[in-house]
Amino acid sequence: MRVGIAYDLREEYLAAGFGEEDAAEFDTDATISTIESTLQGFGFATDRIGNVRALARRLVSGDRWDLVFNIAEGIGGFGREAQVPALLDAYRIPYTFSDPLVCALSLHKGMTKRVVRDAGLPTPDFALVETIDAVPAIALRFPLFAKPVAEGTSKGIGPASIVDNPADLHDLCAHLLRRYAQPVLVERYLPGREFTVGLLGCGASTSCLGVMEVHYRDEAARTIYSYEHKRVDELTFYSRAADPAADAAAELAVAAWRVLGGRDAGRVDVRLDDEGRPNFVEANVLPGISLRSDLVICARQTGWTYEELLGRIVGHALERNALPWPKRAKKSARRQLVLE
């Protein structure tokens, strides 16, 4: 079975003049090599495709794959994570992770929160700022938290993201509108514990991989999982959470995943409010799977190897599309370890 790998390579974008933050969501060659070698270990023949433009060229030239392992983030617009899935759907080629609708919906955090809220799941009250003139009309109680509505890797999030007064909110929104050229999501700040819930499968078969709690070295500060925290290991540490609050966070995350229609694997971020109640924050339906990404850390805390995690992801995609494992994988002990 031939498996293509769709991705955005960070080194290529840096060479093209992208800044470090602009290229932060893209993957390194080391990550692509790890994915490729793992898939080959399962018995697949692999083919590096690259980004959406490379995929388009190859599809037009007649190339096809039995399955595409898709981690391409895309560039430009709210639909950037939906670009590769949409092309693959057009050519009826199966792929891992979520479909175009779910990818586009989940990238726009405001739309995601509307869907989750309409399903009756708790999420902080929020407002969407499309122009700076909209800020005075916000009627939410301070403190508030503001971030770009459609960025990943915590881009645009830092210590100044928590604001206590209208003047600071105005200045922060003005900065984010200029810097990221997209609306700003403003929501009630949640002061409680912060969880990332790893998820596998889709629909009724969705299961919780594990609940990871995010801790900060400077516990005295009002801290958030910022872009800087994700870049510098010394600022944060993580623990596996298995108490009633974590169980409640997992229950909420699974419910949100089913409502949104996520597939194969991903993450839902949950934070407790000032009364200890879990609230949906956002969903990541195209999760990072480098060795230091949150989903991989969560799997490791559960006792899984990297091979086991990728095996589950691929296994769900194969099952959804009624595709078989390679014969070599069927005979291997590793497959039993991965899928049982």
Protein backbone atom coordinates (compact mmCIF):
# COMPACT_ATOMS: atom_id res chain seq x y z
CA MET A 1 0.00 0.00 0.00
CA ARG A 2 1.32 3.42 -1.01
CA VAL A 3 0.95 6.23 1.53
CA GLY A 4 1.69 9.83 0.59
CA ILE A 5 2.72 12.36 3.22
CA ALA A 6 1.36 15.92 2.89
CA TYR A 7 3.09 18.58 4.98
CA ASP A 8 4.45 22.11 5.10
CA LEU A 9 8.22 22.09 5.63
CA ARG A 10 9.40 24.84 7.96
CA GLU A 11 12.83 25.12 6.37
CA GLU A 12 11.30 25.87 2.96
CA TYR A 13 9.19 28.74 4.31
CA LEU A 14 12.08 30.22 6.29
CA ALA A 15 14.20 30.13 3.14
CA ALA A 16 11.37 31.91 1.31
CA GLY A 17 11.49 34.79 3.81
CA PHE A 18 8.90 33.78 6.41
CA GLY A 19 9.64 34.86 9.98
CA GLU A 20 10.11 32.35 12.81
CA GLU A 21 6.63 32.98 14.23
CA ASP A 22 4.98 32.85 10.80
CA ALA A 23 6.56 29.43 10.19
CA ALA A 24 5.98 28.14 13.73
CA GLU A 25 3.16 25.75 12.82
CA PHE A 26 5.09 24.03 10.06
CA ASP A 27 7.05 20.80 10.50
CA THR A 28 10.77 20.14 10.42
CA ASP A 29 12.46 17.62 8.18
CA ALA A 30 13.22 15.58 11.32
CA THR A 31 9.51 15.25 12.06
CA ILE A 32 8.69 14.22 8.49
CA SER A 33 11.51 11.66 8.57
CA THR A 34 10.19 10.22 11.84
CA ILE A 35 6.68 9.89 10.43
CA GLU A 36 8.01 8.35 7.24
CA SER A 37 10.19 5.78 8.96
CA THR A 38 7.34 4.85 11.31
CA LEU A 39 4.95 4.30 8.40
CA GLN A 40 7.59 2.24 6.62
CA GLY A 41 7.96 0.17 9.77
CA PHE A 42 4.27 -0.69 9.49
CA GLY A 43 4.88 -2.03 5.99
CA PHE A 44 3.73 0.96 3.92
CA ALA A 45 5.54 2.28 0.86
CA THR A 46 5.83 6.03 1.50
CA ASP A 47 5.99 9.02 -0.82
CA ARG A 48 6.75 12.56 0.34
CA ILE A 49 4.28 14.90 -1.35
CA GLY A 50 4.85 18.24 0.40
CA ASN A 51 2.47 21.18 0.57
CA VAL A 52 -0.86 21.86 -1.13
CA ARG A 53 0.73 23.30 -4.28
CA ALA A 54 2.96 20.26 -4.67
CA LEU A 55 -0.10 18.05 -4.12
CA ALA A 56 -2.05 19.92 -6.80
CA ARG A 57 0.78 19.54 -9.33
CA ARG A 58 1.10 15.84 -8.68
CA LEU A 59 -2.63 15.18 -8.82
CA VAL A 60 -2.84 16.94 -12.19
CA SER A 61 0.12 14.91 -13.44
CA GLY A 62 -1.72 11.69 -12.54
CA ASP A 63 -0.14 10.64 -9.23
CA ARG A 64 -2.39 8.76 -6.79
CA TRP A 65 -2.03 7.16 -3.35
CA ASP A 66 -3.97 4.56 -1.38
CA LEU A 67 -3.91 6.87 1.64
CA VAL A 68 -2.42 10.27 2.44
CA PHE A 69 -1.04 11.01 5.89
CA ASN A 70 -1.97 14.67 6.06
CA ILE A 71 -0.38 17.17 8.43
CA ALA A 72 -0.30 20.13 6.02
CA GLU A 73 -1.25 23.37 7.78
CA GLY A 74 -1.58 25.48 4.63
CA ILE A 75 -1.15 29.22 4.32
CA GLY A 76 -3.66 32.00 3.83
CA GLY A 77 -7.23 32.33 5.05
CA PHE A 78 -9.57 30.55 7.41
CA GLY A 79 -9.67 27.52 5.10
CA ARG A 80 -5.94 26.89 4.96
CA GLU A 81 -6.07 23.62 6.94
CA ALA A 82 -8.93 22.50 4.68
CA GLN A 83 -6.99 22.93 1.43
CA VAL A 84 -5.32 19.51 1.30
CA PRO A 85 -8.40 17.57 2.51
CA ALA A 86 -10.56 19.36 -0.07
CA LEU A 87 -8.23 18.44 -2.94
CA LEU A 88 -8.03 14.85 -1.76
CA ASP A 89 -11.82 14.65 -1.49
CA ALA A 90 -12.10 15.95 -5.05
CA TYR A 91 -9.91 13.08 -6.24
CA ARG A 92 -11.48 10.56 -3.83
CA ILE A 93 -8.22 9.78 -2.11
CA PRO A 94 -8.52 8.76 1.57
CA TYR A 95 -6.50 10.63 4.17
CA THR A 96 -5.86 10.86 7.90
CA PHE A 97 -7.50 13.36 10.24
CA SER A 98 -10.51 15.58 9.71
CA ASP A 99 -12.38 16.64 6.58
CA PRO A 100 -12.44 20.17 5.05
CA LEU A 101 -15.56 21.31 6.90
CA VAL A 102 -14.18 20.37 10.31
CA CYS A 103 -10.72 21.78 9.56
CA ALA A 104 -12.12 25.15 8.48
CA LEU A 105 -14.62 25.31 11.34
CA SER A 106 -12.13 24.48 14.07
CA LEU A 107 -9.50 26.92 12.82
CA HIS A 108 -11.97 29.80 13.31
CA LYS A 109 -12.22 29.76 17.10
CA GLY A 110 -15.26 32.02 17.17
CA MET A 111 -17.29 29.76 14.87
CA THR A 112 -16.14 26.73 16.85
CA LYS A 113 -17.34 28.24 20.11
CA ARG A 114 -20.73 29.06 18.57
CA VAL A 115 -21.22 25.43 17.52
CA VAL A 116 -20.07 24.12 20.90
CA ARG A 117 -22.26 26.62 22.77
CA ASP A 118 -25.31 25.80 20.64
CA ALA A 119 -24.79 22.13 21.53
CA GLY A 120 -25.19 23.08 25.19
CA LEU A 121 -21.54 22.64 26.15
CA PRO A 122 -19.90 25.23 28.43
CA THR A 123 -17.47 27.73 26.91
CA PRO A 124 -16.58 31.24 28.15
CA ASP A 125 -18.77 34.14 27.00
CA PHE A 126 -17.08 35.86 24.09
CA ALA A 127 -17.19 38.58 21.47
CA LEU A 128 -15.60 38.85 18.05
CA VAL A 129 -13.73 42.05 17.18
CA GLU A 130 -13.50 42.56 13.42
CA THR A 131 -12.67 46.28 13.56
CA ILE A 132 -11.36 48.42 16.39
CA ASP A 133 -14.67 50.30 16.46
CA ALA A 134 -16.32 47.19 17.90
CA VAL A 135 -14.32 47.22 21.14
CA PRO A 136 -16.43 49.79 23.09
CA ALA A 137 -19.55 47.67 22.55
CA ILE A 138 -18.09 44.61 24.32
CA ALA A 139 -20.17 43.99 27.43
CA LEU A 140 -18.16 41.22 29.07
CA ARG A 141 -16.93 41.36 32.65
CA PHE A 142 -13.20 41.81 33.18
CA PRO A 143 -10.68 40.23 33.29
CA LEU A 144 -10.80 39.29 29.63
CA PHE A 145 -8.57 37.26 27.36
CA ALA A 146 -7.92 38.16 23.71
CA LYS A 147 -6.23 36.26 20.88
CA PRO A 148 -6.28 36.03 17.07
CA VAL A 149 -9.33 34.09 15.97
CA ALA A 150 -7.53 31.68 13.62
CA GLU A 151 -3.94 31.02 14.65
CA GLY A 152 -2.26 27.90 16.00
CA THR A 153 0.78 27.20 18.18
CA SER A 154 -0.50 29.94 20.54
CA LYS A 155 0.63 32.64 18.11
CA GLY A 156 -0.48 36.08 19.24
CA ILE A 157 -0.80 34.93 22.86
CA GLY A 158 1.42 36.28 25.63
CA PRO A 159 1.34 37.93 29.06
CA ALA A 160 -0.53 40.94 27.64
CA SER A 161 -3.38 38.70 26.46
CA ILE A 162 -5.10 39.02 29.84
CA VAL A 163 -6.56 42.49 30.24
CA ASP A 164 -8.29 44.16 33.21
CA ASN A 165 -9.70 47.37 31.75
CA PRO A 166 -11.16 48.86 28.55
CA ALA A 167 -8.05 50.86 27.65
CA ASP A 168 -5.78 47.80 27.69
CA LEU A 169 -8.37 45.81 25.74
CA HIS A 170 -8.51 48.51 23.07
CA ASP A 171 -4.72 48.61 22.73
CA LEU A 172 -4.40 44.83 22.61
CA CYS A 173 -7.12 44.44 19.97
CA ALA A 174 -5.56 47.20 17.87
CA HIS A 175 -2.20 45.42 17.99
CA LEU A 176 -3.65 41.99 17.12
CA LEU A 177 -5.74 43.36 14.26
CA ARG A 178 -2.63 44.99 12.76
CA ARG A 179 -0.26 42.11 13.33
CA TYR A 180 -2.43 39.18 12.27
CA ALA A 181 -4.91 40.82 9.86
CA GLN A 182 -7.84 38.82 11.19
CA PRO A 183 -10.58 39.23 13.81
CA VAL A 184 -9.77 39.03 17.51
CA LEU A 185 -11.57 36.65 19.85
CA VAL A 186 -12.28 38.25 23.23
CA GLU A 187 -13.59 36.00 25.99
CA ARG A 188 -13.88 35.79 29.74
CA TYR A 189 -10.57 34.84 31.32
CA LEU A 190 -10.66 31.47 33.10
CA PRO A 191 -8.35 31.40 36.14
CA GLY A 192 -8.49 27.66 36.91
CA ARG A 193 -6.47 24.58 36.02
CA GLU A 194 -5.57 24.06 32.37
CA PHE A 195 -5.88 20.74 30.56
CA THR A 196 -5.15 19.37 27.12
CA VAL A 197 -7.21 16.27 26.35
CA GLY A 198 -5.90 13.83 23.76
CA LEU A 199 -8.59 12.15 21.67
CA LEU A 200 -8.76 9.22 19.28
CA GLY A 201 -11.37 8.04 16.80
CA CYS A 202 -14.55 9.76 15.71
CA GLY A 203 -18.26 9.88 16.50
CA ALA A 204 -19.49 7.23 18.90
CA SER A 205 -16.08 5.51 18.82
CA THR A 206 -14.26 8.59 20.21
CA SER A 207 -12.08 7.77 23.20
CA CYS A 208 -9.87 9.77 25.52
CA LEU A 209 -6.17 9.09 25.06
CA GLY A 210 -5.32 10.93 28.26
CA VAL A 211 -5.58 14.23 30.08
CA MET A 212 -2.46 16.36 30.37
CA GLU A 213 -2.31 19.27 32.80
CA VAL A 214 -0.21 22.30 31.91
CA HIS A 215 1.84 23.81 34.74
CA TYR A 216 3.92 26.99 34.79
CA ARG A 217 7.20 27.58 36.58
CA ASP A 218 6.00 30.97 37.75
CA GLU A 219 2.78 29.91 39.50
CA ALA A 220 2.42 33.34 41.11
CA ALA A 221 1.66 34.95 37.76
CA ARG A 222 -1.62 34.78 35.86
CA THR A 223 -0.28 32.43 33.27
CA ILE A 224 -1.48 31.18 29.90
CA TYR A 225 -0.15 28.65 27.42
CA SER A 226 1.56 31.24 25.22
CA TYR A 227 3.69 31.07 22.10
CA GLU A 228 6.74 31.68 24.29
CA HIS A 229 5.77 28.85 26.66
CA LYS A 230 5.54 26.44 23.73
CA ARG A 231 8.96 27.52 22.42
CA VAL A 232 10.90 27.43 25.70
CA ASP A 233 10.72 24.15 27.62
CA GLU A 234 11.97 25.67 30.89
CA LEU A 235 8.82 27.79 31.28
CA THR A 236 6.36 24.90 31.55
CA PHE A 237 6.00 21.32 32.65
CA TYR A 238 3.24 18.75 32.23
CA SER A 239 1.65 16.04 34.30
CA ARG A 240 -0.87 13.31 33.64
CA ALA A 241 -4.12 14.30 35.35
CA ALA A 242 -6.44 11.59 36.69
CA ASP A 243 -8.68 13.23 39.32
CA PRO A 244 -12.38 14.20 39.19
CA ALA A 245 -11.63 17.56 37.56
CA ALA A 246 -9.60 15.84 34.85
CA ASP A 247 -12.36 13.29 34.34
CA ALA A 248 -14.87 16.12 33.88
CA ALA A 249 -12.51 17.80 31.40
CA ALA A 250 -12.22 14.54 29.44
CA GLU A 251 -15.99 14.12 29.34
CA LEU A 252 -16.42 17.65 27.99
CA ALA A 253 -13.63 17.17 25.43
CA VAL A 254 -15.12 13.94 24.07
CA ALA A 255 -18.55 15.59 23.78
CA ALA A 256 -17.07 18.60 21.94
CA TRP A 257 -15.08 16.34 19.60
CA ARG A 258 -18.23 14.47 18.65
CA VAL A 259 -20.18 17.70 18.10
CA LEU A 260 -17.45 19.15 15.88
CA GLY A 261 -16.91 15.95 13.92
CA GLY A 262 -13.20 15.45 14.56
CA ARG A 263 -11.60 12.29 13.16
CA ASP A 264 -8.75 9.90 13.97
CA ALA A 265 -6.92 11.98 16.59
CA GLY A 266 -6.63 15.48 18.01
CA ARG A 267 -6.79 17.62 21.10
CA VAL A 268 -9.35 19.69 22.94
CA ASP A 269 -8.16 22.35 25.38
CA VAL A 270 -10.20 22.77 28.55
CA ARG A 271 -9.82 25.22 31.41
CA LEU A 272 -11.60 25.47 34.75
CA ASP A 273 -13.49 28.63 35.65
CA ASP A 274 -13.40 30.39 39.03
CA GLU A 275 -15.86 27.83 40.42
CA GLY A 276 -13.88 24.82 39.22
CA ARG A 277 -16.17 23.97 36.29
CA PRO A 278 -14.58 22.80 33.02
CA ASN A 279 -15.03 25.00 29.95
CA PHE A 280 -14.25 24.29 26.32
CA VAL A 281 -11.47 26.58 25.04
CA GLU A 282 -10.60 25.29 21.56
CA ALA A 283 -10.10 22.18 19.46
CA ASN A 284 -7.10 21.11 17.40
CA VAL A 285 -8.27 18.67 14.71
CA LEU A 286 -4.94 18.68 12.86
CA PRO A 287 -2.60 18.13 15.82
CA GLY A 288 1.14 18.48 15.84
CA ILE A 289 2.86 15.11 15.98
CA SER A 290 6.49 16.04 16.43
CA LEU A 291 8.21 14.31 19.31
CA ARG A 292 7.68 17.38 21.52
CA SER A 293 4.08 18.17 20.56
CA ASP A 294 1.26 18.08 23.11
CA LEU A 295 -0.52 15.03 21.68
CA VAL A 296 2.70 13.01 21.63
CA ILE A 297 3.54 14.08 25.20
CA CYS A 298 0.03 13.08 26.27
CA ALA A 299 0.44 9.66 24.62
CA ARG A 300 3.82 9.19 26.28
CA GLN A 301 2.32 9.94 29.69
CA THR A 302 -0.27 7.24 29.02
CA GLY A 303 2.55 4.78 28.35
CA TRP A 304 2.36 4.71 24.57
CA THR A 305 5.30 4.82 22.19
CA TYR A 306 5.34 7.11 19.18
CA GLU A 307 4.79 4.06 16.98
CA GLU A 308 1.70 3.10 18.94
CA LEU A 309 0.20 6.57 18.58
CA LEU A 310 0.78 6.73 14.81
CA GLY A 311 -0.48 3.17 14.49
CA ARG A 312 -3.75 4.14 16.14
CA ILE A 313 -4.12 7.23 13.94
CA VAL A 314 -3.48 5.27 10.75
CA GLY A 315 -5.62 2.39 11.99
CA HIS A 316 -8.63 4.66 12.46
CA ALA A 317 -8.15 6.14 8.97
CA LEU A 318 -7.87 2.69 7.39
CA GLU A 319 -10.96 1.47 9.22
CA ARG A 320 -13.01 4.52 8.19
CA ASN A 321 -12.13 3.89 4.56
CA ALA A 322 -12.39 0.08 4.65
CA LEU A 323 -8.71 -0.25 3.74
CA PRO A 324 -6.49 -3.15 4.83
CA TRP A 325 -3.19 -3.03 6.62
CA PRO A 326 -0.18 -4.13 4.53
CA LYS A 327 0.42 -7.88 4.69
CA ARG A 328 3.77 -7.29 6.34
CA ALA A 329 2.11 -5.34 9.12
CA LYS A 330 -0.46 -8.08 9.65
CA LYS A 331 2.30 -10.55 10.41
CA SER A 332 4.24 -8.32 12.74
CA ALA A 333 4.08 -8.29 16.52
CA ARG A 334 4.23 -4.50 16.33
CA ARG A 335 0.81 -4.35 14.70
CA GLN A 336 -0.68 -6.31 17.58
CA LEU A 337 0.95 -3.89 20.01
CA VAL A 338 -0.35 -0.88 18.12
CA LEU A 339 -3.92 -1.88 17.43
CA GLU A 340 -5.02 -3.94 20.41
